Amino acid sequence: KGKNPFKDVRVREAFYRAIDINLIRDRVMRG
């Protein structure tokens, strides 16, 4: 409350870094 964490570039990078795109490709999208 009182601020927007997404205005901090470190938060946006953290979200990016936390997502395993290869796992999404292999498991969710079946390659």
PDB file of all heavy atoms in Angstrom:
ATOM      1  N   LYS A   1       0.837  -1.195   0.000  1.00  0.00           N
ATOM      2  CA  LYS A   1       0.000   0.000   0.000  1.00  0.00           C
ATOM      3  C   LYS A   1       0.884   1.262   0.000  1.00  0.00           C
ATOM      4  O   LYS A   1       1.969   1.273   0.573  1.00  0.00           O
ATOM      5  CB  LYS A   1      -0.923   0.016   1.217  1.00  0.00           C
ATOM      6  CG  LYS A   1      -1.854  -1.208   1.307  1.00  0.00           C
ATOM      7  CD  LYS A   1      -2.713  -1.361   0.050  1.00  0.00           C
ATOM      8  CE  LYS A   1      -3.579  -2.609   0.100  1.00  0.00           C
ATOM      9  NZ  LYS A   1      -4.321  -2.798  -1.167  1.00  0.00           N
ATOM     10  N   GLY A   2       0.385   2.271  -0.676  1.00  0.00           N
ATOM     11  CA  GLY A   2       1.088   3.540  -0.682  1.00  0.00           C
ATOM     12  C   GLY A   2       2.166   3.677  -1.726  1.00  0.00           C
ATOM     13  O   GLY A   2       2.748   4.760  -1.894  1.00  0.00           O
ATOM     14  N   LYS A   3       2.453   2.615  -2.445  1.00  0.00           N
ATOM     15  CA  LYS A   3       3.429   2.692  -3.527  1.00  0.00           C
ATOM     16  C   LYS A   3       3.218   1.538  -4.488  1.00  0.00           C
ATOM     17  O   LYS A   3       2.461   0.599  -4.211  1.00  0.00           O
ATOM     18  CB  LYS A   3       4.862   2.684  -2.988  1.00  0.00           C
ATOM     19  CG  LYS A   3       5.261   1.438  -2.213  1.00  0.00           C
ATOM     20  CD  LYS A   3       6.723   1.567  -1.762  1.00  0.00           C
ATOM     21  CE  LYS A   3       7.155   0.347  -0.948  1.00  0.00           C
ATOM     22  NZ  LYS A   3       8.588   0.441  -0.560  1.00  0.00           N
ATOM     23  N   ASN A   4       3.891   1.605  -5.611  1.00  0.00           N
ATOM     24  CA  ASN A   4       3.769   0.592  -6.658  1.00  0.00           C
ATOM     25  C   ASN A   4       5.107  -0.121  -6.822  1.00  0.00           C
ATOM     26  O   ASN A   4       6.058   0.449  -7.350  1.00  0.00           O
ATOM     27  CB  ASN A   4       3.353   1.255  -7.972  1.00  0.00           C
ATOM     28  CG  ASN A   4       3.231   0.268  -9.120  1.00  0.00           C
ATOM     29  OD1 ASN A   4       3.621  -0.883  -9.018  1.00  0.00           O
ATOM     30  ND2 ASN A   4       2.692   0.743 -10.234  1.00  0.00           N
ATOM     31  N   PRO A   5       5.201  -1.377  -6.373  1.00  0.00           N
ATOM     32  CA  PRO A   5       6.482  -2.085  -6.469  1.00  0.00           C
ATOM     33  C   PRO A   5       6.965  -2.269  -7.909  1.00  0.00           C
ATOM     34  O   PRO A   5       8.170  -2.380  -8.151  1.00  0.00           O
ATOM     35  CB  PRO A   5       6.214  -3.434  -5.797  1.00  0.00           C
ATOM     36  CG  PRO A   5       4.722  -3.595  -5.821  1.00  0.00           C
ATOM     37  CD  PRO A   5       4.159  -2.219  -5.733  1.00  0.00           C
ATOM     38  N   PHE A   6       6.046  -2.264  -8.878  1.00  0.00           N
ATOM     39  CA  PHE A   6       6.446  -2.472 -10.264  1.00  0.00           C
ATOM     40  C   PHE A   6       7.137  -1.253 -10.873  1.00  0.00           C
ATOM     41  O   PHE A   6       7.692  -1.341 -11.977  1.00  0.00           O
ATOM     42  CB  PHE A   6       5.242  -2.860 -11.119  1.00  0.00           C
ATOM     43  CG  PHE A   6       4.730  -4.261 -10.859  1.00  0.00           C
ATOM     44  CD1 PHE A   6       3.369  -4.535 -10.927  1.00  0.00           C
ATOM     45  CD2 PHE A   6       5.600  -5.288 -10.560  1.00  0.00           C
ATOM     46  CE1 PHE A   6       2.896  -5.817 -10.697  1.00  0.00           C
ATOM     47  CE2 PHE A   6       5.146  -6.575 -10.321  1.00  0.00           C
ATOM     48  CZ  PHE A   6       3.782  -6.843 -10.396  1.00  0.00           C
ATOM     49  N   LYS A   7       7.125  -0.147 -10.185  1.00  0.00           N
ATOM     50  CA  LYS A   7       7.885   1.005 -10.666  1.00  0.00           C
ATOM     51  C   LYS A   7       9.381   0.834 -10.409  1.00  0.00           C
ATOM     52  O   LYS A   7      10.191   1.590 -10.957  1.00  0.00           O
ATOM     53  CB  LYS A   7       7.381   2.292  -9.996  1.00  0.00           C
ATOM     54  CG  LYS A   7       6.005   2.736 -10.487  1.00  0.00           C
ATOM     55  CD  LYS A   7       5.648   4.123  -9.984  1.00  0.00           C
ATOM     56  CE  LYS A   7       4.340   4.598 -10.574  1.00  0.00           C
ATOM     57  NZ  LYS A   7       4.021   6.005 -10.239  1.00  0.00           N
ATOM     58  N   ASP A   8       9.730  -0.150  -9.605  1.00  0.00           N
ATOM     59  CA  ASP A   8      11.133  -0.445  -9.297  1.00  0.00           C
ATOM     60  C   ASP A   8      11.633  -1.489 -10.293  1.00  0.00           C
ATOM     61  O   ASP A   8      11.125  -2.610 -10.360  1.00  0.00           O
ATOM     62  CB  ASP A   8      11.248  -0.979  -7.873  1.00  0.00           C
ATOM     63  CG  ASP A   8      12.679  -1.057  -7.380  1.00  0.00           C
ATOM     64  OD1 ASP A   8      13.570  -1.406  -8.182  1.00  0.00           O
ATOM     65  OD2 ASP A   8      12.909  -0.781  -6.181  1.00  0.00           O
ATOM     66  N   VAL A   9      12.637  -1.119 -11.076  1.00  0.00           N
ATOM     67  CA  VAL A   9      13.144  -2.010 -12.106  1.00  0.00           C
ATOM     68  C   VAL A   9      13.667  -3.309 -11.511  1.00  0.00           C
ATOM     69  O   VAL A   9      13.645  -4.370 -12.164  1.00  0.00           O
ATOM     70  CB  VAL A   9      14.247  -1.305 -12.935  1.00  0.00           C
ATOM     71  CG1 VAL A   9      15.478  -1.035 -12.091  1.00  0.00           C
ATOM     72  CG2 VAL A   9      14.584  -2.106 -14.182  1.00  0.00           C
ATOM     73  N   ARG A  10      14.114  -3.285 -10.258  1.00  0.00           N
ATOM     74  CA  ARG A  10      14.609  -4.506  -9.621  1.00  0.00           C
ATOM     75  C   ARG A  10      13.496  -5.515  -9.414  1.00  0.00           C
ATOM     76  O   ARG A  10      13.715  -6.729  -9.521  1.00  0.00           O
ATOM     77  CB  ARG A  10      15.276  -4.159  -8.281  1.00  0.00           C
ATOM     78  CG  ARG A  10      16.550  -3.327  -8.417  1.00  0.00           C
ATOM     79  CD  ARG A  10      17.037  -2.816  -7.080  1.00  0.00           C
ATOM     80  NE  ARG A  10      16.062  -1.893  -6.466  1.00  0.00           N
ATOM     81  CZ  ARG A  10      16.287  -1.239  -5.328  1.00  0.00           C
ATOM     82  NH1 ARG A  10      17.451  -1.405  -4.676  1.00  0.00           N
ATOM     83  NH2 ARG A  10      15.367  -0.421  -4.841  1.00  0.00           N
ATOM     84  N   VAL A  11      12.309  -5.024  -9.131  1.00  0.00           N
ATOM     85  CA  VAL A  11      11.160  -5.928  -8.958  1.00  0.00           C
ATOM     86  C   VAL A  11      10.787  -6.561 -10.298  1.00  0.00           C
ATOM     87  O   VAL A  11      10.515  -7.767 -10.386  1.00  0.00           O
ATOM     88  CB  VAL A  11       9.966  -5.171  -8.349  1.00  0.00           C
ATOM     89  CG1 VAL A  11       8.722  -6.057  -8.332  1.00  0.00           C
ATOM     90  CG2 VAL A  11      10.301  -4.697  -6.942  1.00  0.00           C
ATOM     91  N   ARG A  12      10.784  -5.754 -11.351  1.00  0.00           N
ATOM     92  CA  ARG A  12      10.436  -6.295 -12.673  1.00  0.00           C
ATOM     93  C   ARG A  12      11.466  -7.347 -13.106  1.00  0.00           C
ATOM     94  O   ARG A  12      11.103  -8.397 -13.653  1.00  0.00           O
ATOM     95  CB  ARG A  12      10.349  -5.168 -13.703  1.00  0.00           C
ATOM     96  CG  ARG A  12       9.287  -4.118 -13.350  1.00  0.00           C
ATOM     97  CD  ARG A  12       8.921  -3.243 -14.539  1.00  0.00           C
ATOM     98  NE  ARG A  12      10.020  -2.450 -15.062  1.00  0.00           N
ATOM     99  CZ  ARG A  12      10.356  -1.243 -14.630  1.00  0.00           C
ATOM    100  NH1 ARG A  12       9.692  -0.685 -13.616  1.00  0.00           N
ATOM    101  NH2 ARG A  12      11.362  -0.570 -15.176  1.00  0.00           N
ATOM    102  N   GLU A  13      12.742  -7.059 -12.852  1.00  0.00           N
ATOM    103  CA  GLU A  13      13.763  -8.050 -13.196  1.00  0.00           C
ATOM    104  C   GLU A  13      13.599  -9.308 -12.352  1.00  0.00           C
ATOM    105  O   GLU A  13      13.771 -10.434 -12.851  1.00  0.00           O
ATOM    106  CB  GLU A  13      15.169  -7.476 -12.995  1.00  0.00           C
ATOM    107  CG  GLU A  13      16.265  -8.471 -13.358  1.00  0.00           C
ATOM    108  CD  GLU A  13      17.679  -7.954 -13.129  1.00  0.00           C
ATOM    109  OE1 GLU A  13      17.840  -6.758 -12.808  1.00  0.00           O
ATOM    110  OE2 GLU A  13      18.633  -8.770 -13.254  1.00  0.00           O
ATOM    111  N   ALA A  14      13.256  -9.134 -11.088  1.00  0.00           N
ATOM    112  CA  ALA A  14      13.070 -10.297 -10.210  1.00  0.00           C
ATOM    113  C   ALA A  14      11.960 -11.204 -10.736  1.00  0.00           C
ATOM    114  O   ALA A  14      12.104 -12.437 -10.754  1.00  0.00           O
ATOM    115  CB  ALA A  14      12.754  -9.832  -8.791  1.00  0.00           C
ATOM    116  N   PHE A  15      10.848 -10.615 -11.156  1.00  0.00           N
ATOM    117  CA  PHE A  15       9.755 -11.416 -11.715  1.00  0.00           C
ATOM    118  C   PHE A  15      10.241 -12.171 -12.955  1.00  0.00           C
ATOM    119  O   PHE A  15       9.941 -13.365 -13.136  1.00  0.00           O
ATOM    120  CB  PHE A  15       8.575 -10.512 -12.071  1.00  0.00           C
ATOM    121  CG  PHE A  15       7.594 -10.304 -10.943  1.00  0.00           C
ATOM    122  CD1 PHE A  15       8.010  -9.778  -9.719  1.00  0.00           C
ATOM    123  CD2 PHE A  15       6.258 -10.610 -11.090  1.00  0.00           C
ATOM    124  CE1 PHE A  15       7.120  -9.571  -8.681  1.00  0.00           C
ATOM    125  CE2 PHE A  15       5.347 -10.413 -10.060  1.00  0.00           C
ATOM    126  CZ  PHE A  15       5.774  -9.898  -8.851  1.00  0.00           C
ATOM    127  N   TYR A  16      10.976 -11.467 -13.807  1.00  0.00           N
ATOM    128  CA  TYR A  16      11.507 -12.082 -15.032  1.00  0.00           C
ATOM    129  C   TYR A  16      12.407 -13.269 -14.676  1.00  0.00           C
ATOM    130  O   TYR A  16      12.279 -14.367 -15.229  1.00  0.00           O
ATOM    131  CB  TYR A  16      12.289 -11.016 -15.807  1.00  0.00           C
ATOM    132  CG  TYR A  16      12.541 -11.285 -17.272  1.00  0.00           C
ATOM    133  CD1 TYR A  16      12.222 -10.324 -18.219  1.00  0.00           C
ATOM    134  CD2 TYR A  16      13.127 -12.468 -17.722  1.00  0.00           C
ATOM    135  CE1 TYR A  16      12.457 -10.529 -19.578  1.00  0.00           C
ATOM    136  CE2 TYR A  16      13.378 -12.693 -19.069  1.00  0.00           C
ATOM    137  CZ  TYR A  16      13.040 -11.716 -19.988  1.00  0.00           C
ATOM    138  OH  TYR A  16      13.277 -11.925 -21.326  1.00  0.00           O
ATOM    139  N   ARG A  17      13.348 -13.021 -13.755  1.00  0.00           N
ATOM    140  CA  ARG A  17      14.328 -14.051 -13.396  1.00  0.00           C
ATOM    141  C   ARG A  17      13.695 -15.263 -12.721  1.00  0.00           C
ATOM    142  O   ARG A  17      14.234 -16.366 -12.778  1.00  0.00           O
ATOM    143  CB  ARG A  17      15.363 -13.452 -12.445  1.00  0.00           C
ATOM    144  CG  ARG A  17      16.217 -12.334 -13.032  1.00  0.00           C
ATOM    145  CD  ARG A  17      17.300 -12.867 -13.916  1.00  0.00           C
ATOM    146  NE  ARG A  17      18.280 -11.833 -14.276  1.00  0.00           N
ATOM    147  CZ  ARG A  17      19.282 -12.020 -15.118  1.00  0.00           C
ATOM    148  NH1 ARG A  17      19.460 -13.204 -15.668  1.00  0.00           N
ATOM    149  NH2 ARG A  17      20.118 -11.031 -15.411  1.00  0.00           N
ATOM    150  N   ALA A  18      12.543 -15.067 -12.077  1.00  0.00           N
ATOM    151  CA  ALA A  18      11.909 -16.151 -11.322  1.00  0.00           C
ATOM    152  C   ALA A  18      11.135 -17.121 -12.204  1.00  0.00           C
ATOM    153  O   ALA A  18      10.690 -18.177 -11.737  1.00  0.00           O
ATOM    154  CB  ALA A  18      10.974 -15.569 -10.261  1.00  0.00           C
ATOM    155  N   ILE A  19      10.964 -16.776 -13.486  1.00  0.00           N
ATOM    156  CA  ILE A  19      10.159 -17.602 -14.385  1.00  0.00           C
ATOM    157  C   ILE A  19      11.057 -18.499 -15.232  1.00  0.00           C
ATOM    158  O   ILE A  19      11.928 -18.018 -15.967  1.00  0.00           O
ATOM    159  CB  ILE A  19       9.279 -16.707 -15.284  1.00  0.00           C
ATOM    160  CG1 ILE A  19       8.261 -15.970 -14.409  1.00  0.00           C
ATOM    161  CG2 ILE A  19       8.581 -17.529 -16.360  1.00  0.00           C
ATOM    162  CD1 ILE A  19       7.483 -14.913 -15.138  1.00  0.00           C
ATOM    163  N   ASP A  20      10.859 -19.795 -15.105  1.00  0.00           N
ATOM    164  CA  ASP A  20      11.637 -20.787 -15.847  1.00  0.00           C
ATOM    165  C   ASP A  20      10.930 -21.055 -17.177  1.00  0.00           C
ATOM    166  O   ASP A  20      10.031 -21.889 -17.260  1.00  0.00           O
ATOM    167  CB  ASP A  20      11.761 -22.069 -15.025  1.00  0.00           C
ATOM    168  CG  ASP A  20      12.706 -23.088 -15.639  1.00  0.00           C
ATOM    169  OD1 ASP A  20      12.983 -22.979 -16.847  1.00  0.00           O
ATOM    170  OD2 ASP A  20      13.146 -24.011 -14.917  1.00  0.00           O
ATOM    171  N   ILE A  21      11.331 -20.341 -18.216  1.00  0.00           N
ATOM    172  CA  ILE A  21      10.637 -20.442 -19.504  1.00  0.00           C
ATOM    173  C   ILE A  21      10.843 -21.806 -20.153  1.00  0.00           C
ATOM    174  O   ILE A  21       9.958 -22.305 -20.874  1.00  0.00           O
ATOM    175  CB  ILE A  21      11.102 -19.314 -20.455  1.00  0.00           C
ATOM    176  CG1 ILE A  21      10.167 -19.230 -21.674  1.00  0.00           C
ATOM    177  CG2 ILE A  21      12.545 -19.531 -20.885  1.00  0.00           C
ATOM    178  CD1 ILE A  21       8.739 -18.901 -21.350  1.00  0.00           C
ATOM    179  N   ASN A  22      11.963 -22.453 -19.878  1.00  0.00           N
ATOM    180  CA  ASN A  22      12.193 -23.777 -20.459  1.00  0.00           C
ATOM    181  C   ASN A  22      11.264 -24.817 -19.852  1.00  0.00           C
ATOM    182  O   ASN A  22      10.807 -25.740 -20.545  1.00  0.00           O
ATOM    183  CB  ASN A  22      13.653 -24.192 -20.283  1.00  0.00           C
ATOM    184  CG  ASN A  22      14.599 -23.337 -21.104  1.00  0.00           C
ATOM    185  OD1 ASN A  22      14.238 -22.855 -22.183  1.00  0.00           O
ATOM    186  ND2 ASN A  22      15.805 -23.127 -20.607  1.00  0.00           N
ATOM    187  N   LEU A  23      10.951 -24.640 -18.579  1.00  0.00           N
ATOM    188  CA  LEU A  23      10.013 -25.546 -17.934  1.00  0.00           C
ATOM    189  C   LEU A  23       8.601 -25.343 -18.497  1.00  0.00           C
ATOM    190  O   LEU A  23       7.854 -26.306 -18.702  1.00  0.00           O
ATOM    191  CB  LEU A  23      10.024 -25.319 -16.420  1.00  0.00           C
ATOM    192  CG  LEU A  23       9.286 -26.368 -15.566  1.00  0.00           C
ATOM    193  CD1 LEU A  23       9.914 -27.745 -15.745  1.00  0.00           C
ATOM    194  CD2 LEU A  23       9.318 -25.967 -14.095  1.00  0.00           C
ATOM    195  N   ILE A  24       8.247 -24.090 -18.747  1.00  0.00           N
ATOM    196  CA  ILE A  24       6.952 -23.821 -19.379  1.00  0.00           C
ATOM    197  C   ILE A  24       6.907 -24.458 -20.764  1.00  0.00           C
ATOM    198  O   ILE A  24       5.904 -25.079 -21.151  1.00  0.00           O
ATOM    199  CB  ILE A  24       6.706 -22.300 -19.465  1.00  0.00           C
ATOM    200  CG1 ILE A  24       6.469 -21.729 -18.059  1.00  0.00           C
ATOM    201  CG2 ILE A  24       5.519 -21.992 -20.371  1.00  0.00           C
ATOM    202  CD1 ILE A  24       6.308 -20.219 -18.021  1.00  0.00           C
ATOM    203  N   ARG A  25       7.983 -24.313 -21.519  1.00  0.00           N
ATOM    204  CA  ARG A  25       8.035 -24.926 -22.855  1.00  0.00           C
ATOM    205  C   ARG A  25       7.881 -26.439 -22.789  1.00  0.00           C
ATOM    206  O   ARG A  25       7.086 -27.036 -23.538  1.00  0.00           O
ATOM    207  CB  ARG A  25       9.364 -24.570 -23.525  1.00  0.00           C
ATOM    208  CG  ARG A  25       9.567 -25.214 -24.905  1.00  0.00           C
ATOM    209  CD  ARG A  25      11.023 -25.137 -25.321  1.00  0.00           C
ATOM    210  NE  ARG A  25      11.890 -25.832 -24.366  1.00  0.00           N
ATOM    211  CZ  ARG A  25      13.206 -25.639 -24.259  1.00  0.00           C
ATOM    212  NH1 ARG A  25      13.810 -24.761 -25.034  1.00  0.00           N
ATOM    213  NH2 ARG A  25      13.915 -26.318 -23.373  1.00  0.00           N
ATOM    214  N   ASP A  26       8.618 -27.061 -21.873  1.00  0.00           N
ATOM    215  CA  ASP A  26       8.668 -28.523 -21.845  1.00  0.00           C
ATOM    216  C   ASP A  26       7.440 -29.143 -21.187  1.00  0.00           C
ATOM    217  O   ASP A  26       6.939 -30.184 -21.661  1.00  0.00           O
ATOM    218  CB  ASP A  26       9.931 -28.985 -21.115  1.00  0.00           C
ATOM    219  CG  ASP A  26      11.205 -28.556 -21.824  1.00  0.00           C
ATOM    220  OD1 ASP A  26      11.136 -28.229 -23.023  1.00  0.00           O
ATOM    221  OD2 ASP A  26      12.263 -28.519 -21.157  1.00  0.00           O
ATOM    222  N   ARG A  27       6.945 -28.539 -20.110  1.00  0.00           N
ATOM    223  CA  ARG A  27       5.849 -29.149 -19.361  1.00  0.00           C
ATOM    224  C   ARG A  27       4.477 -28.627 -19.799  1.00  0.00           C
ATOM    225  O   ARG A  27       3.575 -29.414 -20.083  1.00  0.00           O
ATOM    226  CB  ARG A  27       6.047 -28.888 -17.862  1.00  0.00           C
ATOM    227  CG  ARG A  27       7.329 -29.460 -17.286  1.00  0.00           C
ATOM    228  CD  ARG A  27       7.244 -30.961 -17.044  1.00  0.00           C
ATOM    229  NE  ARG A  27       8.488 -31.462 -16.467  1.00  0.00           N
ATOM    230  CZ  ARG A  27       8.787 -31.453 -15.166  1.00  0.00           C
ATOM    231  NH1 ARG A  27       7.935 -30.914 -14.311  1.00  0.00           N
ATOM    232  NH2 ARG A  27       9.929 -31.942 -14.728  1.00  0.00           N
ATOM    233  N   VAL A  28       4.338 -27.322 -19.844  1.00  0.00           N
ATOM    234  CA  VAL A  28       3.026 -26.735 -20.152  1.00  0.00           C
ATOM    235  C   VAL A  28       2.729 -26.798 -21.649  1.00  0.00           C
ATOM    236  O   VAL A  28       1.638 -27.164 -22.067  1.00  0.00           O
ATOM    237  CB  VAL A  28       2.956 -25.278 -19.660  1.00  0.00           C
ATOM    238  CG1 VAL A  28       1.586 -24.678 -19.986  1.00  0.00           C
ATOM    239  CG2 VAL A  28       3.209 -25.205 -18.154  1.00  0.00           C
ATOM    240  N   MET A  29       3.734 -26.460 -22.450  1.00  0.00           N
ATOM    241  CA  MET A  29       3.528 -26.388 -23.903  1.00  0.00           C
ATOM    242  C   MET A  29       3.960 -27.668 -24.630  1.00  0.00           C
ATOM    243  O   MET A  29       3.898 -27.731 -25.857  1.00  0.00           O
ATOM    244  CB  MET A  29       4.281 -25.185 -24.472  1.00  0.00           C
ATOM    245  CG  MET A  29       3.861 -23.847 -23.888  1.00  0.00           C
ATOM    246  SD  MET A  29       2.115 -23.478 -24.137  1.00  0.00           S
ATOM    247  CE  MET A  29       2.062 -23.240 -25.914  1.00  0.00           C
ATOM    248  N   ARG A  30       4.416 -28.640 -23.897  1.00  0.00           N
ATOM    249  CA  ARG A  30       4.784 -29.945 -24.458  1.00  0.00           C
ATOM    250  C   ARG A  30       5.741 -29.820 -25.641  1.00  0.00           C
ATOM    251  O   ARG A  30       5.651 -30.523 -26.643  1.00  0.00           O
ATOM    252  CB  ARG A  30       3.528 -30.729 -24.853  1.00  0.00           C
ATOM    253  CG  ARG A  30       2.657 -31.082 -23.649  1.00  0.00           C
ATOM    254  CD  ARG A  30       1.368 -31.739 -24.071  1.00  0.00           C
ATOM    255  NE  ARG A  30       0.564 -32.065 -22.894  1.00  0.00           N
ATOM    256  CZ  ARG A  30       0.358 -33.296 -22.427  1.00  0.00           C
ATOM    257  NH1 ARG A  30       0.894 -34.331 -23.042  1.00  0.00           N
ATOM    258  NH2 ARG A  30      -0.396 -33.499 -21.363  1.00  0.00           N
ATOM    259  N   GLY A  31       6.668 -28.858 -25.514  1.00  0.00           N
ATOM    260  CA  GLY A  31       7.686 -28.661 -26.527  1.00  0.00           C
ATOM    261  C   GLY A  31       7.235 -27.848 -27.728  1.00  0.00           C
ATOM    262  O   GLY A  31       8.043 -27.554 -28.613  1.00  0.00           O
TER     263      GLY A  31
END
